[in-house]
Amino acid sequence: MSTPMSLIAQGSFTNAAGAVAATNIELPKRPDYFVIKNRSLWGTAPTDVIQAEWYYGYGAGQAICITEGGASALTATAIAAGGAGFTFVDYSSQTPGALVNTPGTAITAANPAVVSEGVPPAVGDIVRVFNTTAMLQIAGMDFTVTAIAAGVSYTLGYMDASGVNFVAATNATYRVIPAKYYTPYRRFITGITAANPCVVTVSVAHNYLVGDYVAIHNPDANMGMPEINGITARITAVTASTFTLDLDSSAFTAFLWPTSAVAAAGLTHPTVTAVGEVATKLTSSLNNGAYYAMHIDTGVLGTTSDVIDWMAFSRDYTV
């Protein structure tokens, strides 16, 4: 017996000029079937994916595809789980993902740090890393994944591990941590400048706004810059992973990560918490960010400036 499907949402978007970046499509509910078609490449005889499909039950990153060959011949292809296809994301779920423990993983002592991983998370995921042998300074911290190489690695885009006390890790495991309902969040700090004005870098995109007041917590002397612990300051500028404070920290002791050996004895990571804002009412700290989404990765998005049409369907279980 078949169950009919109903269209629940549809739309289109254009790949950014000069880059093909993964994107999230917000949906009203979990779909049972999701399809995209590349309007720009359809019928132009490229050697690229012109249509890709996802069905409920597929693994993260999986897709089945139709590729148009150089002479307009159609080829059926597939992207296996863990690849750069589709991943349904429920941002209302607060349960951490399963521990991914692939043998042979490592983390580069570089800016940004890159984790070798045969089953990488998706771009945009928040991951909590564990068992970072030889790089215990970052064990237990959350990071935004800013890039992946399917079946090979993922990048911790806001983590500079090129400092003097870092050496490459020889192991790492991770869990995907769901985004919380409300923003802005408490975030781990990965860098603080001794400058006027002071600039703070965090490990996960922070969602803070200009005008927010934040409190800096840096109680562990092993991290350097003890003078900033407990200071509350106003944000005057932001990027995805940094914010500038109305604070002169140029006379403070330098912020410095300790060695892995020091961290092995116990380390309290520095954090930042939003505590208020310069507004007549508190808005940014009460933003409900929960939603369903289809994450569309680069393996099905064609080339730059392509127009992508998409449709999402759900089974009608009332029939």
Protein backbone atom coordinates (compact mmCIF):
# COMPACT_ATOMS: atom_id res chain seq x y z
CA MET A 1 0.00 0.00 0.00
CA SER A 2 1.36 3.41 -0.94
CA THR A 3 1.02 6.59 1.09
CA PRO A 4 0.57 9.86 -0.81
CA MET A 5 2.91 12.77 -0.20
CA SER A 6 2.11 16.45 0.06
CA LEU A 7 4.34 19.40 -0.81
CA ILE A 8 5.23 21.19 2.46
CA ALA A 9 7.68 23.81 1.18
CA GLN A 10 9.55 24.88 -1.94
CA GLY A 11 11.84 27.63 -3.13
CA SER A 12 15.10 28.45 -4.84
CA PHE A 13 18.46 30.02 -4.06
CA THR A 14 21.61 31.01 -5.92
CA ASN A 15 25.09 29.75 -5.13
CA ALA A 16 27.39 32.58 -4.12
CA ALA A 17 29.58 33.98 -6.87
CA GLY A 18 33.14 32.72 -6.54
CA ALA A 19 32.29 29.97 -4.06
CA VAL A 20 29.95 27.03 -3.61
CA ALA A 21 29.02 26.92 0.07
CA ALA A 22 26.79 24.48 1.94
CA THR A 23 23.46 25.94 2.98
CA ASN A 24 20.54 25.21 5.33
CA ILE A 25 16.92 25.33 4.13
CA GLU A 26 14.49 25.97 6.99
CA LEU A 27 11.43 23.67 6.89
CA PRO A 28 8.09 23.58 8.75
CA LYS A 29 8.45 19.88 9.63
CA ARG A 30 10.57 16.82 8.91
CA PRO A 31 10.22 15.85 5.24
CA ASP A 32 10.01 12.32 3.90
CA TYR A 33 11.41 13.32 0.51
CA PHE A 34 13.58 16.27 -0.54
CA VAL A 35 14.79 17.08 -4.04
CA ILE A 36 16.86 19.80 -5.69
CA LYS A 37 17.34 20.62 -9.38
CA ASN A 38 20.09 22.77 -10.81
CA ARG A 39 18.21 25.17 -13.10
CA SER A 40 21.43 26.69 -14.45
CA LEU A 41 23.05 23.41 -15.56
CA TRP A 42 19.92 21.58 -16.73
CA GLY A 43 20.32 20.70 -20.41
CA THR A 44 23.71 22.42 -20.79
CA ALA A 45 25.70 19.18 -20.98
CA PRO A 46 27.95 19.80 -17.98
CA THR A 47 29.67 17.05 -16.05
CA ASP A 48 27.96 17.82 -12.79
CA VAL A 49 24.97 16.92 -10.61
CA ILE A 50 21.74 18.36 -12.08
CA GLN A 51 19.30 16.66 -9.69
CA ALA A 52 19.76 15.19 -6.21
CA GLU A 53 17.29 13.46 -3.89
CA TRP A 54 17.01 12.54 -0.21
CA TYR A 55 14.60 10.11 1.49
CA TYR A 56 13.78 9.77 5.17
CA GLY A 57 16.08 7.13 6.63
CA TYR A 58 19.18 8.19 4.70
CA GLY A 59 22.38 8.66 6.69
CA ALA A 60 23.92 12.08 7.27
CA GLY A 61 25.49 13.40 4.06
CA GLN A 62 23.82 10.82 1.80
CA ALA A 63 22.12 11.50 -1.57
CA ILE A 64 21.21 9.87 -4.86
CA CYS A 65 21.97 11.98 -7.91
CA ILE A 66 21.55 12.38 -11.64
CA THR A 67 24.64 13.68 -13.40
CA GLU A 68 24.53 15.01 -16.94
CA GLY A 69 27.56 13.92 -18.98
CA GLY A 70 29.51 15.85 -21.59
CA ALA A 71 27.17 14.70 -24.39
CA SER A 72 23.96 15.19 -22.36
CA ALA A 73 24.00 11.54 -21.29
CA LEU A 74 22.42 10.99 -17.87
CA THR A 75 24.27 8.97 -15.22
CA ALA A 76 22.89 7.72 -11.91
CA THR A 77 25.33 8.39 -9.07
CA ALA A 78 25.22 8.19 -5.28
CA ILE A 79 26.83 9.94 -2.32
CA ALA A 80 27.29 7.62 0.63
CA ALA A 81 26.54 8.47 4.26
CA GLY A 82 29.25 10.74 5.63
CA GLY A 83 29.60 12.50 2.28
CA ALA A 84 28.64 15.95 1.04
CA GLY A 85 24.98 15.32 0.20
CA PHE A 86 21.92 16.02 2.41
CA THR A 87 21.50 15.96 6.18
CA PHE A 88 18.19 16.63 7.93
CA VAL A 89 18.76 18.70 11.07
CA ASP A 90 16.37 19.10 13.98
CA TYR A 91 17.58 22.16 15.87
CA SER A 92 14.91 21.66 18.52
CA SER A 93 16.60 18.43 19.63
CA GLN A 94 18.84 18.89 22.66
CA THR A 95 20.35 15.40 22.70
CA PRO A 96 24.08 15.25 21.81
CA GLY A 97 24.97 13.03 18.91
CA ALA A 98 26.66 9.66 19.22
CA LEU A 99 30.39 9.55 19.94
CA VAL A 100 32.31 9.25 16.67
CA ASN A 101 35.48 7.33 17.40
CA THR A 102 37.28 6.56 14.17
CA PRO A 103 40.78 5.08 14.65
CA GLY A 104 43.73 7.13 13.43
CA THR A 105 42.31 10.62 13.96
CA ALA A 106 44.59 13.58 14.64
CA ILE A 107 44.52 17.39 14.97
CA THR A 108 47.00 19.72 13.29
CA ALA A 109 48.84 22.36 15.32
CA ALA A 110 47.82 25.03 12.83
CA ASN A 111 45.55 28.03 12.27
CA PRO A 112 42.87 26.84 11.83
CA ALA A 113 43.15 23.40 13.39
CA VAL A 114 42.13 20.50 11.11
CA VAL A 115 40.92 17.16 12.49
CA SER A 116 41.57 14.00 10.48
CA GLU A 117 38.31 12.04 10.47
CA GLY A 118 36.88 9.43 8.11
CA VAL A 119 33.33 10.26 9.22
CA PRO A 120 33.33 14.06 9.52
CA PRO A 121 30.38 16.14 10.73
CA ALA A 122 28.62 18.64 8.47
CA VAL A 123 29.72 22.21 7.85
CA GLY A 124 28.07 24.41 10.44
CA ASP A 125 27.79 21.66 13.06
CA ILE A 126 28.91 22.34 16.61
CA VAL A 127 31.18 19.53 17.79
CA ARG A 128 32.56 18.74 21.24
CA VAL A 129 35.98 17.13 20.99
CA PHE A 130 37.32 14.50 23.38
CA ASN A 131 40.44 12.36 23.87
CA THR A 132 42.68 14.90 22.13
CA THR A 133 45.93 13.10 22.92
CA ALA A 134 48.90 15.55 22.98
CA MET A 135 46.47 18.50 22.66
CA LEU A 136 44.57 18.18 25.93
CA GLN A 137 44.17 21.97 26.14
CA ILE A 138 41.03 21.78 23.97
CA ALA A 139 39.52 18.52 25.26
CA GLY A 140 35.86 19.00 26.16
CA MET A 141 35.48 22.26 24.21
CA ASP A 142 32.84 23.02 21.56
CA PHE A 143 33.79 24.22 18.08
CA THR A 144 32.05 25.30 14.89
CA VAL A 145 32.92 23.13 11.87
CA THR A 146 33.72 25.56 9.04
CA ALA A 147 34.84 23.12 6.32
CA ILE A 148 35.08 19.39 5.63
CA ALA A 149 36.88 17.10 3.22
CA ALA A 150 34.43 14.21 2.77
CA GLY A 151 35.82 11.04 4.31
CA VAL A 152 39.05 12.80 5.28
CA SER A 153 38.82 15.70 7.75
CA TYR A 154 36.96 18.66 9.24
CA THR A 155 38.15 22.15 10.19
CA LEU A 156 37.78 23.94 13.53
CA GLY A 157 37.67 27.33 11.86
CA TYR A 158 37.82 29.45 15.02
CA MET A 159 40.64 27.55 16.74
CA ASP A 160 44.21 28.79 16.28
CA ALA A 161 46.39 25.90 17.45
CA SER A 162 49.60 27.31 15.98
CA GLY A 163 50.79 28.74 19.31
CA VAL A 164 54.06 27.83 20.97
CA ASN A 165 52.50 25.40 23.47
CA PHE A 166 50.52 23.34 20.95
CA VAL A 167 51.72 20.13 19.30
CA ALA A 168 49.71 18.03 16.87
CA ALA A 169 47.24 15.67 18.50
CA THR A 170 47.46 11.97 17.75
CA ASN A 171 43.85 11.14 18.56
CA ALA A 172 40.43 12.83 18.73
CA THR A 173 36.79 11.84 19.02
CA TYR A 174 33.70 14.04 18.82
CA ARG A 175 29.97 14.42 19.39
CA VAL A 176 27.69 16.80 17.51
CA ILE A 177 26.15 19.21 20.03
CA PRO A 178 22.72 20.60 19.07
CA ALA A 179 22.27 24.36 19.05
CA LYS A 180 20.32 25.58 22.07
CA TYR A 181 16.83 27.02 21.85
CA TYR A 182 17.85 30.48 22.97
CA THR A 183 20.74 32.70 21.98
CA PRO A 184 23.20 34.18 22.67
CA TYR A 185 24.99 31.39 24.47
CA ARG A 186 27.87 30.96 26.86
CA ARG A 187 30.87 30.37 24.63
CA PHE A 188 34.42 29.09 25.11
CA ILE A 189 37.12 31.71 24.54
CA THR A 190 40.09 30.80 22.32
CA GLY A 191 41.85 34.17 22.18
CA ILE A 192 41.96 37.62 23.84
CA THR A 193 44.09 40.48 22.58
CA ALA A 194 46.06 42.70 24.94
CA ALA A 195 45.10 45.84 23.05
CA ASN A 196 42.89 48.92 22.97
CA PRO A 197 40.21 47.96 22.21
CA CYS A 198 40.22 44.37 23.41
CA VAL A 199 39.08 41.71 20.89
CA VAL A 200 37.84 38.29 22.02
CA THR A 201 37.69 35.17 19.83
CA VAL A 202 35.37 32.27 20.66
CA SER A 203 35.31 28.67 19.44
CA VAL A 204 31.70 28.69 18.18
CA ALA A 205 29.81 31.42 16.28
CA HIS A 206 28.39 33.53 19.12
CA ASN A 207 25.30 35.41 17.85
CA TYR A 208 26.10 38.38 20.10
CA LEU A 209 25.02 41.85 18.98
CA VAL A 210 26.59 45.29 19.20
CA GLY A 211 25.34 46.78 22.45
CA ASP A 212 25.25 43.50 24.37
CA TYR A 213 27.01 43.40 27.72
CA VAL A 214 29.12 40.30 28.34
CA ALA A 215 30.97 38.95 31.35
CA ILE A 216 34.40 37.38 30.86
CA HIS A 217 35.28 34.37 33.03
CA ASN A 218 38.97 33.44 33.08
CA PRO A 219 39.70 32.07 36.57
CA ASP A 220 42.56 29.73 35.64
CA ALA A 221 45.99 31.41 35.84
CA ASN A 222 47.32 28.79 33.41
CA MET A 223 45.48 30.61 30.58
CA GLY A 224 47.18 33.96 31.19
CA MET A 225 45.52 37.40 31.41
CA PRO A 226 44.08 36.97 34.94
CA GLU A 227 43.22 40.71 34.99
CA ILE A 228 40.24 40.18 32.69
CA ASN A 229 38.50 37.63 34.92
CA GLY A 230 35.13 38.92 36.08
CA ILE A 231 35.11 42.03 33.89
CA THR A 232 31.82 43.06 32.28
CA ALA A 233 32.06 45.15 29.13
CA ARG A 234 29.93 46.31 26.19
CA ILE A 235 30.34 44.92 22.67
CA THR A 236 31.12 47.57 20.06
CA ALA A 237 31.75 45.39 16.96
CA VAL A 238 31.25 41.76 15.94
CA THR A 239 32.23 39.11 13.38
CA ALA A 240 31.00 35.52 13.34
CA SER A 241 33.60 34.38 15.88
CA THR A 242 34.95 37.60 17.44
CA PHE A 243 33.66 40.64 19.28
CA THR A 244 35.29 43.92 20.25
CA LEU A 245 34.83 45.36 23.74
CA ASP A 246 34.85 48.91 25.03
CA LEU A 247 37.83 47.82 27.14
CA ASP A 248 41.51 48.77 27.07
CA SER A 249 43.43 45.56 27.83
CA SER A 250 46.78 46.77 26.49
CA ALA A 251 48.38 46.68 29.97
CA PHE A 252 47.09 43.18 30.76
CA THR A 253 49.23 40.06 30.84
CA ALA A 254 49.15 38.20 27.52
CA PHE A 255 46.51 35.49 27.01
CA LEU A 256 48.42 32.24 26.46
CA TRP A 257 47.35 28.62 26.13
CA PRO A 258 49.25 26.24 28.46
CA THR A 259 50.91 23.02 27.36
CA SER A 260 49.03 19.75 27.05
CA ALA A 261 50.89 18.46 30.12
CA VAL A 262 49.60 21.37 32.22
CA ALA A 263 46.07 20.80 30.90
CA ALA A 264 46.29 17.11 31.85
CA ALA A 265 46.47 18.15 35.51
CA GLY A 266 43.18 20.05 35.16
CA LEU A 267 42.21 23.21 33.31
CA THR A 268 39.25 25.59 33.58
CA HIS A 269 38.52 26.98 30.13
CA PRO A 270 37.75 30.70 29.83
CA THR A 271 34.19 31.53 28.81
CA VAL A 272 31.95 34.49 28.02
CA THR A 273 28.31 34.97 28.99
CA ALA A 274 25.81 37.58 27.83
CA VAL A 275 24.43 39.52 30.81
CA GLY A 276 22.41 42.36 29.26
CA GLU A 277 22.22 44.96 26.52
CA VAL A 278 21.83 48.67 25.89
CA ALA A 279 18.17 48.55 24.97
CA THR A 280 14.86 49.25 26.62
CA LYS A 281 14.10 45.53 26.59
CA LEU A 282 16.17 42.35 26.44
CA THR A 283 15.81 40.86 22.96
CA SER A 284 18.93 39.13 21.70
CA SER A 285 19.30 36.87 24.73
CA LEU A 286 15.76 35.55 24.25
CA ASN A 287 15.91 34.65 20.57
CA ASN A 288 14.45 31.18 20.03
CA GLY A 289 16.66 29.56 17.41
CA ALA A 290 14.99 26.15 17.21
CA TYR A 291 13.95 24.99 13.73
CA TYR A 292 13.99 22.08 11.28
CA ALA A 293 16.33 22.31 8.32
CA MET A 294 17.74 20.40 5.39
CA HIS A 295 21.50 20.88 5.20
CA ILE A 296 22.54 20.84 1.52
CA ASP A 297 26.25 20.22 1.13
CA THR A 298 28.64 21.10 -1.67
CA GLY A 299 28.57 17.67 -3.35
CA VAL A 300 25.15 18.38 -4.90
CA LEU A 301 25.29 22.14 -5.50
CA GLY A 302 26.96 22.39 -8.90
CA THR A 303 29.11 25.45 -9.59
CA THR A 304 29.21 29.10 -8.59
CA SER A 305 26.20 31.33 -9.34
CA ASP A 306 23.99 28.32 -10.22
CA VAL A 307 20.29 28.67 -9.41
CA ILE A 308 19.02 25.74 -7.32
CA ASP A 309 15.29 24.89 -7.08
CA TRP A 310 14.18 22.74 -4.14
CA MET A 311 11.03 20.99 -2.94
CA ALA A 312 10.21 19.17 0.31
CA PHE A 313 7.42 16.58 0.65
CA SER A 314 5.85 14.81 3.62
CA ARG A 315 3.66 11.70 3.73
CA ASP A 316 -0.05 12.29 4.39
CA TYR A 317 -0.67 9.77 7.20
CA THR A 318 -4.32 10.85 7.57
CA VAL A 319 -5.36 9.23 4.28
